[in-house]
């Protein structure tokens, strides 16, 4: 008799597990503004916009540094000609060197900013 009761109890547990579960509630329809606000917060759009704008002005600042402070020093090292007009055959070497120096300075400034932000614990 005890075996039958154990078997019946086991069958009841199996039946309980096999019963269909109620369907989950349908997702609540959000309004357009709620979806937009969720998008803004989920993808941190405001933070990206701020970073983009600061990046643009940082690039302009570094460009001014290169064009107005560093390149005049190079101009002093190359008397008699402007550095942008230096050519070797058909190649505008001076313009390329100016772009290369600008790139290196921008890369250095970005490296320093990232290094300082890591030191301060900003990610």
PDB file of N, CA and C in Angstrom:
ATOM      1  N   UNK A   1       0.809  -1.188   0.000  1.00  0.00           N
ATOM      2  CA  UNK A   1       0.000   0.000   0.000  1.00  0.00           C
ATOM      3  C   UNK A   1       0.860   1.263   0.000  1.00  0.00           C
ATOM      4  N   UNK A   2       1.967   1.223   0.729  1.00  0.00           N
ATOM      5  CA  UNK A   2       2.849   2.386   0.797  1.00  0.00           C
ATOM      6  C   UNK A   2       3.459   2.662  -0.570  1.00  0.00           C
ATOM      7  N   UNK A   3       3.740   1.584  -1.300  1.00  0.00           N
ATOM      8  CA  UNK A   3       4.307   1.766  -2.636  1.00  0.00           C
ATOM      9  C   UNK A   3       3.313   2.446  -3.558  1.00  0.00           C
ATOM     10  N   UNK A   4       2.026   2.080  -3.435  1.00  0.00           N
ATOM     11  CA  UNK A   4       1.003   2.687  -4.274  1.00  0.00           C
ATOM     12  C   UNK A   4       0.853   4.172  -3.953  1.00  0.00           C
ATOM     13  N   UNK A   5       0.888   4.518  -2.672  1.00  0.00           N
ATOM     14  CA  UNK A   5       0.774   5.932  -2.281  1.00  0.00           C
ATOM     15  C   UNK A   5       1.964   6.744  -2.812  1.00  0.00           C
ATOM     16  N   UNK A   6       3.153   6.156  -2.759  1.00  0.00           N
ATOM     17  CA  UNK A   6       4.344   6.840  -3.275  1.00  0.00           C
ATOM     18  C   UNK A   6       4.229   7.045  -4.781  1.00  0.00           C
ATOM     19  N   UNK A   7       3.734   6.024  -5.445  1.00  0.00           N
ATOM     20  CA  UNK A   7       3.575   6.121  -6.901  1.00  0.00           C
ATOM     21  C   UNK A   7       2.532   7.178  -7.244  1.00  0.00           C
ATOM     22  N   UNK A   8       1.411   7.164  -6.516  1.00  0.00           N
ATOM     23  CA  UNK A   8       0.370   8.171  -6.764  1.00  0.00           C
ATOM     24  C   UNK A   8       0.896   9.588  -6.517  1.00  0.00           C
ATOM     25  N   UNK A   9       1.646   9.750  -5.460  1.00  0.00           N
ATOM     26  CA  UNK A   9       2.205  11.085  -5.152  1.00  0.00           C
ATOM     27  C   UNK A   9       3.182  11.522  -6.252  1.00  0.00           C
ATOM     28  N   UNK A  10       3.969  10.594  -6.731  1.00  0.00           N
ATOM     29  CA  UNK A  10       4.914  10.910  -7.818  1.00  0.00           C
ATOM     30  C   UNK A  10       4.162  11.291  -9.088  1.00  0.00           C
ATOM     31  N   UNK A  11       3.079  10.570  -9.381  1.00  0.00           N
ATOM     32  CA  UNK A  11       2.275  10.893 -10.557  1.00  0.00           C
ATOM     33  C   UNK A  11       1.606  12.264 -10.423  1.00  0.00           C
ATOM     34  N   UNK A  12       1.154  12.604  -9.221  1.00  0.00           N
ATOM     35  CA  UNK A  12       0.566  13.929  -8.999  1.00  0.00           C
ATOM     36  C   UNK A  12       1.599  15.037  -9.253  1.00  0.00           C
ATOM     37  N   UNK A  13       2.808  14.815  -8.805  1.00  0.00           N
ATOM     38  CA  UNK A  13       3.866  15.816  -9.032  1.00  0.00           C
ATOM     39  C   UNK A  13       4.184  15.950 -10.521  1.00  0.00           C
ATOM     40  N   UNK A  14       4.200  14.822 -11.217  1.00  0.00           N
ATOM     41  CA  UNK A  14       4.447  14.868 -12.666  1.00  0.00           C
ATOM     42  C   UNK A  14       3.315  15.610 -13.359  1.00  0.00           C
ATOM     43  N   UNK A  15       2.044  15.293 -12.977  1.00  0.00           N
ATOM     44  CA  UNK A  15       0.900  15.987 -13.575  1.00  0.00           C
ATOM     45  C   UNK A  15       0.991  17.489 -13.329  1.00  0.00           C
ATOM     46  N   UNK A  16       1.377  17.851 -12.119  1.00  0.00           N
ATOM     47  CA  UNK A  16       1.497  19.275 -11.782  1.00  0.00           C
ATOM     48  C   UNK A  16       2.560  19.960 -12.659  1.00  0.00           C
ATOM     49  N   UNK A  17       3.657  19.279 -12.885  1.00  0.00           N
ATOM     50  CA  UNK A  17       4.719  19.832 -13.739  1.00  0.00           C
ATOM     51  C   UNK A  17       4.296  19.939 -15.200  1.00  0.00           C
ATOM     52  N   UNK A  18       3.429  19.037 -15.637  1.00  0.00           N
ATOM     53  CA  UNK A  18       3.008  19.015 -17.038  1.00  0.00           C
ATOM     54  C   UNK A  18       1.834  19.932 -17.332  1.00  0.00           C
ATOM     55  N   UNK A  19       1.201  20.486 -16.313  1.00  0.00           N
ATOM     56  CA  UNK A  19       0.081  21.395 -16.547  1.00  0.00           C
ATOM     57  C   UNK A  19       0.574  22.627 -17.294  1.00  0.00           C
ATOM     58  N   UNK A  20      -0.212  23.090 -18.273  1.00  0.00           N
ATOM     59  CA  UNK A  20       0.228  24.273 -19.027  1.00  0.00           C
ATOM     60  C   UNK A  20       0.274  25.501 -18.121  1.00  0.00           C
ATOM     61  N   UNK A  21       1.319  26.264 -18.310  1.00  0.00           N
ATOM     62  CA  UNK A  21       1.486  27.487 -17.545  1.00  0.00           C
ATOM     63  C   UNK A  21       0.640  28.592 -18.164  1.00  0.00           C
ATOM     64  N   UNK A  22       0.179  29.533 -17.360  1.00  0.00           N
ATOM     65  CA  UNK A  22      -0.578  30.642 -17.940  1.00  0.00           C
ATOM     66  C   UNK A  22       0.340  31.482 -18.840  1.00  0.00           C
ATOM     67  N   UNK A  23      -0.239  31.999 -19.879  1.00  0.00           N
ATOM     68  CA  UNK A  23       0.545  32.798 -20.830  1.00  0.00           C
ATOM     69  C   UNK A  23       1.048  34.062 -20.131  1.00  0.00           C
ATOM     70  N   UNK A  24       2.283  34.462 -20.464  1.00  0.00           N
ATOM     71  CA  UNK A  24       2.785  35.692 -19.847  1.00  0.00           C
ATOM     72  C   UNK A  24       1.962  36.882 -20.327  1.00  0.00           C
ATOM     73  N   UNK A  25       1.857  37.896 -19.513  1.00  0.00           N
ATOM     74  CA  UNK A  25       1.066  39.053 -19.932  1.00  0.00           C
ATOM     75  C   UNK A  25       1.684  39.714 -21.160  1.00  0.00           C
ATOM     76  N   UNK A  26       0.827  40.214 -21.997  1.00  0.00           N
ATOM     77  CA  UNK A  26       1.309  40.887 -23.211  1.00  0.00           C
ATOM     78  C   UNK A  26       2.105  42.119 -22.819  1.00  0.00           C
ATOM     79  N   UNK A  27       3.159  42.403 -23.571  1.00  0.00           N
ATOM     80  CA  UNK A  27       3.954  43.578 -23.231  1.00  0.00           C
ATOM     81  C   UNK A  27       3.106  44.846 -23.339  1.00  0.00           C
ATOM     82  N   UNK A  28       3.349  45.718 -22.408  1.00  0.00           N
ATOM     83  CA  UNK A  28       2.590  46.963 -22.368  1.00  0.00           C
ATOM     84  C   UNK A  28       3.095  47.860 -23.490  1.00  0.00           C
ATOM     85  N   UNK A  29       2.180  48.367 -24.271  1.00  0.00           N
ATOM     86  CA  UNK A  29       2.550  49.276 -25.352  1.00  0.00           C
ATOM     87  C   UNK A  29       3.012  50.591 -24.747  1.00  0.00           C
ATOM     88  N   UNK A  30       4.195  51.010 -25.170  1.00  0.00           N
ATOM     89  CA  UNK A  30       4.720  52.286 -24.693  1.00  0.00           C
ATOM     90  C   UNK A  30       4.375  53.353 -25.706  1.00  0.00           C
ATOM     91  N   UNK A  31       4.270  54.529 -25.229  1.00  0.00           N
ATOM     92  CA  UNK A  31       4.049  55.648 -26.124  1.00  0.00           C
ATOM     93  C   UNK A  31       5.339  56.024 -26.833  1.00  0.00           C
ATOM     94  N   UNK A  32       5.224  56.828 -27.835  1.00  0.00           N
ATOM     95  CA  UNK A  32       6.372  57.247 -28.621  1.00  0.00           C
ATOM     96  C   UNK A  32       7.392  57.965 -27.737  1.00  0.00           C
ATOM     97  N   UNK A  33       6.929  58.830 -26.865  1.00  0.00           N
ATOM     98  CA  UNK A  33       7.848  59.598 -26.021  1.00  0.00           C
ATOM     99  C   UNK A  33       8.563  58.676 -25.040  1.00  0.00           C
ATOM    100  N   UNK A  34       7.852  57.698 -24.492  1.00  0.00           N
ATOM    101  CA  UNK A  34       8.490  56.759 -23.566  1.00  0.00           C
ATOM    102  C   UNK A  34       9.552  55.933 -24.277  1.00  0.00           C
ATOM    103  N   UNK A  35       9.256  55.481 -25.494  1.00  0.00           N
ATOM    104  CA  UNK A  35      10.247  54.735 -26.272  1.00  0.00           C
ATOM    105  C   UNK A  35      11.456  55.601 -26.587  1.00  0.00           C
ATOM    106  N   UNK A  36      11.216  56.851 -26.927  1.00  0.00           N
ATOM    107  CA  UNK A  36      12.313  57.763 -27.241  1.00  0.00           C
ATOM    108  C   UNK A  36      13.191  57.993 -26.015  1.00  0.00           C
ATOM    109  N   UNK A  37      12.574  58.189 -24.859  1.00  0.00           N
ATOM    110  CA  UNK A  37      13.346  58.409 -23.639  1.00  0.00           C
ATOM    111  C   UNK A  37      14.150  57.160 -23.261  1.00  0.00           C
ATOM    112  N   UNK A  38      13.554  55.980 -23.485  1.00  0.00           N
ATOM    113  CA  UNK A  38      14.282  54.738 -23.231  1.00  0.00           C
ATOM    114  C   UNK A  38      15.485  54.621 -24.166  1.00  0.00           C
ATOM    115  N   UNK A  39      15.309  54.982 -25.427  1.00  0.00           N
ATOM    116  CA  UNK A  39      16.403  54.972 -26.392  1.00  0.00           C
ATOM    117  C   UNK A  39      17.522  55.902 -25.955  1.00  0.00           C
ATOM    118  N   UNK A  40      17.152  57.105 -25.528  1.00  0.00           N
ATOM    119  CA  UNK A  40      18.145  58.095 -25.102  1.00  0.00           C
ATOM    120  C   UNK A  40      18.946  57.562 -23.915  1.00  0.00           C
ATOM    121  N   UNK A  41      18.269  56.968 -22.945  1.00  0.00           N
ATOM    122  CA  UNK A  41      18.976  56.497 -21.752  1.00  0.00           C
ATOM    123  C   UNK A  41      19.744  55.200 -22.017  1.00  0.00           C
ATOM    124  N   UNK A  42      19.176  54.310 -22.826  1.00  0.00           N
ATOM    125  CA  UNK A  42      19.821  53.025 -23.066  1.00  0.00           C
ATOM    126  C   UNK A  42      21.123  53.187 -23.836  1.00  0.00           C
ATOM    127  N   UNK A  43      21.130  54.022 -24.842  1.00  0.00           N
ATOM    128  CA  UNK A  43      22.307  54.166 -25.688  1.00  0.00           C
ATOM    129  C   UNK A  43      23.164  55.370 -25.301  1.00  0.00           C
ATOM    130  N   UNK A  44      22.827  56.039 -24.203  1.00  0.00           N
ATOM    131  CA  UNK A  44      23.615  57.162 -23.691  1.00  0.00           C
ATOM    132  C   UNK A  44      23.902  58.183 -24.795  1.00  0.00           C
ATOM    133  N   UNK A  45      22.851  58.555 -25.499  1.00  0.00           N
ATOM    134  CA  UNK A  45      22.972  59.440 -26.650  1.00  0.00           C
ATOM    135  C   UNK A  45      23.486  60.814 -26.238  1.00  0.00           C
ATOM    136  N   UNK A  46      23.037  61.306 -25.095  1.00  0.00           N
ATOM    137  CA  UNK A  46      23.470  62.629 -24.663  1.00  0.00           C
ATOM    138  C   UNK A  46      24.977  62.626 -24.389  1.00  0.00           C
ATOM    139  N   UNK A  47      25.458  61.584 -23.726  1.00  0.00           N
ATOM    140  CA  UNK A  47      26.895  61.481 -23.456  1.00  0.00           C
ATOM    141  C   UNK A  47      27.716  61.411 -24.724  1.00  0.00           C
ATOM    142  N   UNK A  48      27.212  60.657 -25.714  1.00  0.00           N
ATOM    143  CA  UNK A  48      27.921  60.576 -26.993  1.00  0.00           C
ATOM    144  C   UNK A  48      27.945  61.925 -27.688  1.00  0.00           C
ATOM    145  N   UNK A  49      26.842  62.641 -27.635  1.00  0.00           N
ATOM    146  CA  UNK A  49      26.779  63.955 -28.284  1.00  0.00           C
ATOM    147  C   UNK A  49      27.754  64.919 -27.627  1.00  0.00           C
ATOM    148  N   UNK A  50      27.800  64.904 -26.308  1.00  0.00           N
ATOM    149  CA  UNK A  50      28.735  65.784 -25.604  1.00  0.00           C
ATOM    150  C   UNK A  50      30.174  65.423 -25.968  1.00  0.00           C
ATOM    151  N   UNK A  51      30.490  64.133 -25.979  1.00  0.00           N
ATOM    152  CA  UNK A  51      31.851  63.704 -26.335  1.00  0.00           C
ATOM    153  C   UNK A  51      32.193  64.104 -27.767  1.00  0.00           C
ATOM    154  N   UNK A  52      31.242  63.986 -28.667  1.00  0.00           N
ATOM    155  CA  UNK A  52      31.484  64.345 -30.060  1.00  0.00           C
ATOM    156  C   UNK A  52      31.765  65.844 -30.191  1.00  0.00           C
ATOM    157  N   UNK A  53      30.961  66.650 -29.542  1.00  0.00           N
ATOM    158  CA  UNK A  53      31.141  68.102 -29.635  1.00  0.00           C
ATOM    159  C   UNK A  53      32.465  68.521 -29.010  1.00  0.00           C
ATOM    160  N   UNK A  54      32.782  67.957 -27.850  1.00  0.00           N
ATOM    161  CA  UNK A  54      34.066  68.284 -27.222  1.00  0.00           C
ATOM    162  C   UNK A  54      35.216  67.829 -28.107  1.00  0.00           C
ATOM    163  N   UNK A  55      35.070  66.670 -28.743  1.00  0.00           N
ATOM    164  CA  UNK A  55      36.100  66.182 -29.651  1.00  0.00           C
ATOM    165  C   UNK A  55      36.311  67.116 -30.834  1.00  0.00           C
ATOM    166  N   UNK A  56      35.218  67.649 -31.376  1.00  0.00           N
ATOM    167  CA  UNK A  56      35.353  68.594 -32.488  1.00  0.00           C
ATOM    168  C   UNK A  56      36.150  69.826 -32.080  1.00  0.00           C
ATOM    169  N   UNK A  57      35.802  70.384 -30.929  1.00  0.00           N
ATOM    170  CA  UNK A  57      36.484  71.597 -30.497  1.00  0.00           C
ATOM    171  C   UNK A  57      37.900  71.322 -30.016  1.00  0.00           C
ATOM    172  N   UNK A  58      38.142  70.146 -29.470  1.00  0.00           N
ATOM    173  CA  UNK A  58      39.503  69.776 -29.112  1.00  0.00           C
ATOM    174  C   UNK A  58      40.353  69.654 -30.373  1.00  0.00           C
ATOM    175  N   UNK A  59      39.781  69.070 -31.422  1.00  0.00           N
ATOM    176  CA  UNK A  59      40.502  68.981 -32.699  1.00  0.00           C
ATOM    177  C   UNK A  59      40.812  70.357 -33.260  1.00  0.00           C
ATOM    178  N   UNK A  60      39.860  71.278 -33.172  1.00  0.00           N
ATOM    179  CA  UNK A  60      40.104  72.642 -33.655  1.00  0.00           C
ATOM    180  C   UNK A  60      41.188  73.318 -32.824  1.00  0.00           C
ATOM    181  N   UNK A  61      41.187  73.059 -31.522  1.00  0.00           N
ATOM    182  CA  UNK A  61      42.204  73.644 -30.646  1.00  0.00           C
ATOM    183  C   UNK A  61      43.597  73.122 -30.985  1.00  0.00           C
ATOM    184  N   UNK A  62      43.705  71.819 -31.188  1.00  0.00           N
ATOM    185  CA  UNK A  62      45.000  71.239 -31.545  1.00  0.00           C
ATOM    186  C   UNK A  62      45.438  71.721 -32.923  1.00  0.00           C
ATOM    187  N   UNK A  63      44.512  71.843 -33.845  1.00  0.00           N
ATOM    188  CA  UNK A  63      44.835  72.367 -35.186  1.00  0.00           C
ATOM    189  C   UNK A  63      45.393  73.786 -35.084  1.00  0.00           C
ATOM    190  N   UNK A  64      44.777  74.610 -34.245  1.00  0.00           N
ATOM    191  CA  UNK A  64      45.273  75.969 -34.049  1.00  0.00           C
ATOM    192  C   UNK A  64      46.663  75.948 -33.412  1.00  0.00           C
ATOM    193  N   UNK A  65      46.882  75.048 -32.462  1.00  0.00           N
ATOM    194  CA  UNK A  65      48.197  74.911 -31.838  1.00  0.00           C
ATOM    195  C   UNK A  65      49.255  74.590 -32.883  1.00  0.00           C
ATOM    196  N   UNK A  66      48.953  73.641 -33.742  1.00  0.00           N
ATOM    197  CA  UNK A  66      49.917  73.247 -34.770  1.00  0.00           C
ATOM    198  C   UNK A  66      50.134  74.376 -35.773  1.00  0.00           C
ATOM    199  N   UNK A  67      49.060  74.937 -36.305  1.00  0.00           N
ATOM    200  CA  UNK A  67      49.189  75.942 -37.366  1.00  0.00           C
ATOM    201  C   UNK A  67      49.749  77.269 -36.871  1.00  0.00           C
ATOM    202  N   UNK A  68      49.389  77.667 -35.649  1.00  0.00           N
ATOM    203  CA  UNK A  68      49.751  78.997 -35.191  1.00  0.00           C
ATOM    204  C   UNK A  68      50.984  79.039 -34.304  1.00  0.00           C
ATOM    205  N   UNK A  69      51.364  77.913 -33.706  1.00  0.00           N
ATOM    206  CA  UNK A  69      52.517  77.931 -32.811  1.00  0.00           C
ATOM    207  C   UNK A  69      53.661  77.035 -33.276  1.00  0.00           C
ATOM    208  N   UNK A  70      53.358  75.829 -33.701  1.00  0.00           N
ATOM    209  CA  UNK A  70      54.430  74.889 -34.034  1.00  0.00           C
ATOM    210  C   UNK A  70      54.944  75.097 -35.455  1.00  0.00           C
ATOM    211  N   UNK A  71      54.061  75.263 -36.407  1.00  0.00           N
ATOM    212  CA  UNK A  71      54.513  75.429 -37.794  1.00  0.00           C
ATOM    213  C   UNK A  71      55.312  76.725 -38.010  1.00  0.00           C
ATOM    214  N   UNK A  72      55.021  77.816 -37.333  1.00  0.00           N
ATOM    215  CA  UNK A  72      55.918  78.977 -37.479  1.00  0.00           C
ATOM    216  C   UNK A  72      57.343  78.685 -37.012  1.00  0.00           C
ATOM    217  N   UNK A  73      57.491  77.812 -36.006  1.00  0.00           N
ATOM    218  CA  UNK A  73      58.846  77.418 -35.579  1.00  0.00           C
ATOM    219  C   UNK A  73      59.527  76.626 -36.685  1.00  0.00           C
ATOM    220  N   UNK A  74      58.783  75.744 -37.331  1.00  0.00           N
ATOM    221  CA  UNK A  74      59.337  74.986 -38.455  1.00  0.00           C
ATOM    222  C   UNK A  74      59.672  75.946 -39.594  1.00  0.00           C
ATOM    223  N   UNK A  75      58.857  76.959 -39.780  1.00  0.00           N
ATOM    224  CA  UNK A  75      59.110  77.955 -40.824  1.00  0.00           C
ATOM    225  C   UNK A  75      60.442  78.661 -40.583  1.00  0.00           C
ATOM    226  N   UNK A  76      60.771  78.900 -39.320  1.00  0.00           N
ATOM    227  CA  UNK A  76      62.065  79.507 -39.005  1.00  0.00           C
ATOM    228  C   UNK A  76      63.219  78.581 -39.364  1.00  0.00           C
ATOM    229  N   UNK A  77      62.999  77.271 -39.257  1.00  0.00           N
ATOM    230  CA  UNK A  77      64.048  76.305 -39.588  1.00  0.00           C
ATOM    231  C   UNK A  77      64.231  76.160 -41.090  1.00  0.00           C
ATOM    232  N   UNK A  78      63.238  76.566 -41.872  1.00  0.00           N
ATOM    233  CA  UNK A  78      63.317  76.472 -43.336  1.00  0.00           C
ATOM    234  C   UNK A  78      63.219  77.899 -43.891  1.00  0.00           C
ATOM    235  N   UNK A  79      64.302  78.662 -43.819  1.00  0.00           N
ATOM    236  CA  UNK A  79      64.210  80.047 -44.289  1.00  0.00           C
ATOM    237  C   UNK A  79      64.102  80.114 -45.817  1.00  0.00           C
ATOM    238  N   UNK A  80      63.415  81.127 -46.264  1.00  0.00           N
ATOM    239  CA  UNK A  80      63.340  81.375 -47.698  1.00  0.00           C
ATOM    240  C   UNK A  80      62.148  80.737 -48.391  1.00  0.00           C
ATOM    241  N   UNK A  81      61.431  79.847 -47.727  1.00  0.00           N
ATOM    242  CA  UNK A  81      60.273  79.216 -48.362  1.00  0.00           C
ATOM    243  C   UNK A  81      59.264  78.852 -47.276  1.00  0.00           C
ATOM    244  N   UNK A  82      58.015  78.873 -47.643  1.00  0.00           N
ATOM    245  CA  UNK A  82      57.020  78.421 -46.674  1.00  0.00           C
ATOM    246  C   UNK A  82      57.016  76.899 -46.664  1.00  0.00           C
ATOM    247  N   UNK A  83      56.803  76.320 -45.501  1.00  0.00           N
ATOM    248  CA  UNK A  83      56.919  74.880 -45.376  1.00  0.00           C
ATOM    249  C   UNK A  83      55.862  74.139 -46.181  1.00  0.00           C
ATOM    250  N   UNK A  84      54.707  74.757 -46.385  1.00  0.00           N
ATOM    251  CA  UNK A  84      53.638  74.071 -47.131  1.00  0.00           C
ATOM    252  C   UNK A  84      53.962  73.942 -48.615  1.00  0.00           C
ATOM    253  N   UNK A  85      54.836  74.796 -49.127  1.00  0.00           N
ATOM    254  CA  UNK A  85      55.126  74.765 -50.565  1.00  0.00           C
ATOM    255  C   UNK A  85      56.345  73.932 -50.909  1.00  0.00           C
ATOM    256  N   UNK A  86      56.955  73.271 -49.938  1.00  0.00           N
ATOM    257  CA  UNK A  86      58.119  72.430 -50.229  1.00  0.00           C
ATOM    258  C   UNK A  86      57.648  71.251 -51.084  1.00  0.00           C
ATOM    259  N   UNK A  87      58.295  71.073 -52.220  1.00  0.00           N
ATOM    260  CA  UNK A  87      57.932  70.004 -53.148  1.00  0.00           C
ATOM    261  C   UNK A  87      59.170  69.235 -53.553  1.00  0.00           C
ATOM    262  N   UNK A  88      59.005  67.951 -53.757  1.00  0.00           N
ATOM    263  CA  UNK A  88      60.057  67.102 -54.300  1.00  0.00           C
ATOM    264  C   UNK A  88      59.460  66.472 -55.541  1.00  0.00           C
ATOM    265  N   UNK A  89      59.807  67.015 -56.686  1.00  0.00           N
ATOM    266  CA  UNK A  89      59.192  66.580 -57.929  1.00  0.00           C
ATOM    267  C   UNK A  89      57.721  66.981 -57.907  1.00  0.00           C
ATOM    268  N   UNK A  90      56.830  66.050 -58.211  1.00  0.00           N
ATOM    269  CA  UNK A  90      55.399  66.387 -58.211  1.00  0.00           C
ATOM    270  C   UNK A  90      54.734  66.258 -56.832  1.00  0.00           C
ATOM    271  N   UNK A  91      55.526  65.897 -55.817  1.00  0.00           N
ATOM    272  CA  UNK A  91      54.963  65.612 -54.497  1.00  0.00           C
ATOM    273  C   UNK A  91      55.049  66.826 -53.580  1.00  0.00           C
ATOM    274  N   UNK A  92      53.925  67.130 -52.924  1.00  0.00           N
ATOM    275  CA  UNK A  92      53.877  68.247 -51.963  1.00  0.00           C
ATOM    276  C   UNK A  92      54.291  67.729 -50.583  1.00  0.00           C
ATOM    277  N   UNK A  93      55.583  67.622 -50.394  1.00  0.00           N
ATOM    278  CA  UNK A  93      56.129  67.050 -49.175  1.00  0.00           C
ATOM    279  C   UNK A  93      55.825  67.939 -47.968  1.00  0.00           C
ATOM    280  N   UNK A  94      55.882  69.233 -48.144  1.00  0.00           N
ATOM    281  CA  UNK A  94      55.649  70.153 -47.034  1.00  0.00           C
ATOM    282  C   UNK A  94      54.246  70.021 -46.472  1.00  0.00           C
ATOM    283  N   UNK A  95      53.262  69.933 -47.334  1.00  0.00           N
ATOM    284  CA  UNK A  95      51.881  69.785 -46.886  1.00  0.00           C
ATOM    285  C   UNK A  95      51.706  68.459 -46.142  1.00  0.00           C
ATOM    286  N   UNK A  96      52.312  67.397 -46.666  1.00  0.00           N
ATOM    287  CA  UNK A  96      52.234  66.098 -46.013  1.00  0.00           C
ATOM    288  C   UNK A  96      52.894  66.135 -44.638  1.00  0.00           C
ATOM    289  N   UNK A  97      54.068  66.765 -44.534  1.00  0.00           N
ATOM    290  CA  UNK A  97      54.739  66.863 -43.239  1.00  0.00           C
ATOM    291  C   UNK A  97      53.895  67.643 -42.238  1.00  0.00           C
ATOM    292  N   UNK A  98      53.242  68.691 -42.705  1.00  0.00           N
ATOM    293  CA  UNK A  98      52.348  69.442 -41.823  1.00  0.00           C
ATOM    294  C   UNK A  98      51.206  68.580 -41.307  1.00  0.00           C
ATOM    295  N   UNK A  99      50.601  67.785 -42.200  1.00  0.00           N
ATOM    296  CA  UNK A  99      49.515  66.891 -41.791  1.00  0.00           C
ATOM    297  C   UNK A  99      50.021  65.812 -40.834  1.00  0.00           C
ATOM    298  N   UNK A 100      51.228  65.318 -41.087  1.00  0.00           N
ATOM    299  CA  UNK A 100      51.816  64.304 -40.213  1.00  0.00           C
ATOM    300  C   UNK A 100      52.083  64.864 -38.819  1.00  0.00           C
ATOM    301  N   UNK A 101      52.640  66.054 -38.759  1.00  0.00           N
ATOM    302  CA  UNK A 101      52.897  66.683 -37.458  1.00  0.00           C
ATOM    303  C   UNK A 101      51.580  66.940 -36.722  1.00  0.00           C
ATOM    304  N   UNK A 102      50.574  67.395 -37.432  1.00  0.00           N
ATOM    305  CA  UNK A 102      49.256  67.613 -36.822  1.00  0.00           C
ATOM    306  C   UNK A 102      48.719  66.311 -36.245  1.00  0.00           C
ATOM    307  N   UNK A 103      48.798  65.227 -37.002  1.00  0.00           N
ATOM    308  CA  UNK A 103      48.319  63.928 -36.537  1.00  0.00           C
ATOM    309  C   UNK A 103      49.052  63.481 -35.285  1.00  0.00           C
ATOM    310  N   UNK A 104      50.373  63.613 -35.290  1.00  0.00           N
ATOM    311  CA  UNK A 104      51.152  63.179 -34.137  1.00  0.00           C
ATOM    312  C   UNK A 104      50.805  63.981 -32.881  1.00  0.00           C
ATOM    313  N   UNK A 105      50.593  65.271 -33.051  1.00  0.00           N
ATOM    314  CA  UNK A 105      50.236  66.085 -31.892  1.00  0.00           C
ATOM    315  C   UNK A 105      48.837  65.728 -31.393  1.00  0.00           C
ATOM    316  N   UNK A 106      47.889  65.517 -32.298  1.00  0.00           N
ATOM    317  CA  UNK A 106      46.533  65.105 -31.888  1.00  0.00           C
ATOM    318  C   UNK A 106      46.602  63.768 -31.164  1.00  0.00           C
ATOM    319  N   UNK A 107      47.356  62.812 -31.682  1.00  0.00           N
ATOM    320  CA  UNK A 107      47.485  61.506 -31.038  1.00  0.00           C
ATOM    321  C   UNK A 107      48.113  61.653 -29.652  1.00  0.00           C
ATOM    322  N   UNK A 108      49.110  62.526 -29.508  1.00  0.00           N
ATOM    323  CA  UNK A 108      49.742  62.752 -28.213  1.00  0.00           C
ATOM    324  C   UNK A 108      48.755  63.362 -27.216  1.00  0.00           C
ATOM    325  N   UNK A 109      47.980  64.341 -27.651  1.00  0.00           N
ATOM    326  CA  UNK A 109      47.003  64.973 -26.768  1.00  0.00           C
ATOM    327  C   UNK A 109      45.950  63.958 -26.332  1.00  0.00           C
ATOM    328  N   UNK A 110      45.454  63.143 -27.253  1.00  0.00           N
ATOM    329  CA  UNK A 110      44.455  62.127 -26.896  1.00  0.00           C
ATOM    330  C   UNK A 110      45.058  61.109 -25.931  1.00  0.00           C
ATOM    331  N   UNK A 111      46.301  60.702 -26.173  1.00  0.00           N
ATOM    332  CA  UNK A 111      46.973  59.775 -25.271  1.00  0.00           C
ATOM    333  C   UNK A 111      47.071  60.359 -23.863  1.00  0.00           C
ATOM    334  N   UNK A 112      47.447  61.615 -23.762  1.00  0.00           N
ATOM    335  CA  UNK A 112      47.567  62.257 -22.450  1.00  0.00           C
ATOM    336  C   UNK A 112      46.212  62.365 -21.756  1.00  0.00           C
ATOM    337  N   UNK A 113      45.168  62.681 -22.508  1.00  0.00           N
ATOM    338  CA  UNK A 113      43.826  62.772 -21.918  1.00  0.00           C
ATOM    339  C   UNK A 113      43.377  61.404 -21.394  1.00  0.00           C
ATOM    340  N   UNK A 114      43.582  60.357 -22.169  1.00  0.00           N
ATOM    341  CA  UNK A 114      43.194  59.009 -21.740  1.00  0.00           C
ATOM    342  C   UNK A 114      44.000  58.592 -20.521  1.00  0.00           C
ATOM    343  N   UNK A 115      45.294  58.891 -20.529  1.00  0.00           N
ATOM    344  CA  UNK A 115      46.149  58.522 -19.400  1.00  0.00           C
ATOM    345  C   UNK A 115      45.713  59.255 -18.132  1.00  0.00           C
ATOM    346  N   UNK A 116      45.403  60.544 -18.245  1.00  0.00           N
ATOM    347  CA  UNK A 116      44.957  61.304 -17.078  1.00  0.00           C
ATOM    348  C   UNK A 116      43.599  60.790 -16.587  1.00  0.00           C
ATOM    349  N   UNK A 117      42.700  60.476 -17.504  1.00  0.00           N
ATOM    350  CA  UNK A 117      41.379  60.006 -17.083  1.00  0.00           C
ATOM    351  C   UNK A 117      41.477  58.656 -16.382  1.00  0.00           C
ATOM    352  N   UNK A 118      42.361  57.782 -16.822  1.00  0.00           N
ATOM    353  CA  UNK A 118      42.552  56.502 -16.128  1.00  0.00           C
ATOM    354  C   UNK A 118      43.147  56.729 -14.753  1.00  0.00           C
ATOM    355  N   UNK A 119      44.080  57.661 -14.652  1.00  0.00           N
ATOM    356  CA  UNK A 119      44.692  57.967 -13.361  1.00  0.00           C
ATOM    357  C   UNK A 119      43.656  58.502 -12.382  1.00  0.00           C
ATOM    358  N   UNK A 120      42.700  59.271 -12.856  1.00  0.00           N
ATOM    359  CA  UNK A 120      41.658  59.839 -12.004  1.00  0.00           C
ATOM    360  C   UNK A 120      40.506  58.869 -11.773  1.00  0.00           C
ATOM    361  N   UNK A 121      40.549  57.698 -12.417  1.00  0.00           N
ATOM    362  CA  UNK A 121      39.507  56.703 -12.221  1.00  0.00           C
ATOM    363  C   UNK A 121      38.298  56.885 -13.118  1.00  0.00           C
ATOM    364  N   UNK A 122      38.427  57.674 -14.170  1.00  0.00           N
ATOM    365  CA  UNK A 122      37.323  57.871 -15.113  1.00  0.00           C
ATOM    366  C   UNK A 122      37.462  56.877 -16.238  1.00  0.00           C
ATOM    367  N   UNK A 123      36.362  56.293 -16.642  1.00  0.00           N
ATOM    368  CA  UNK A 123      36.386  55.325 -17.750  1.00  0.00           C
ATOM    369  C   UNK A 123      35.546  55.830 -18.876  1.00  0.00           C
TER     370      UNK A 123
END
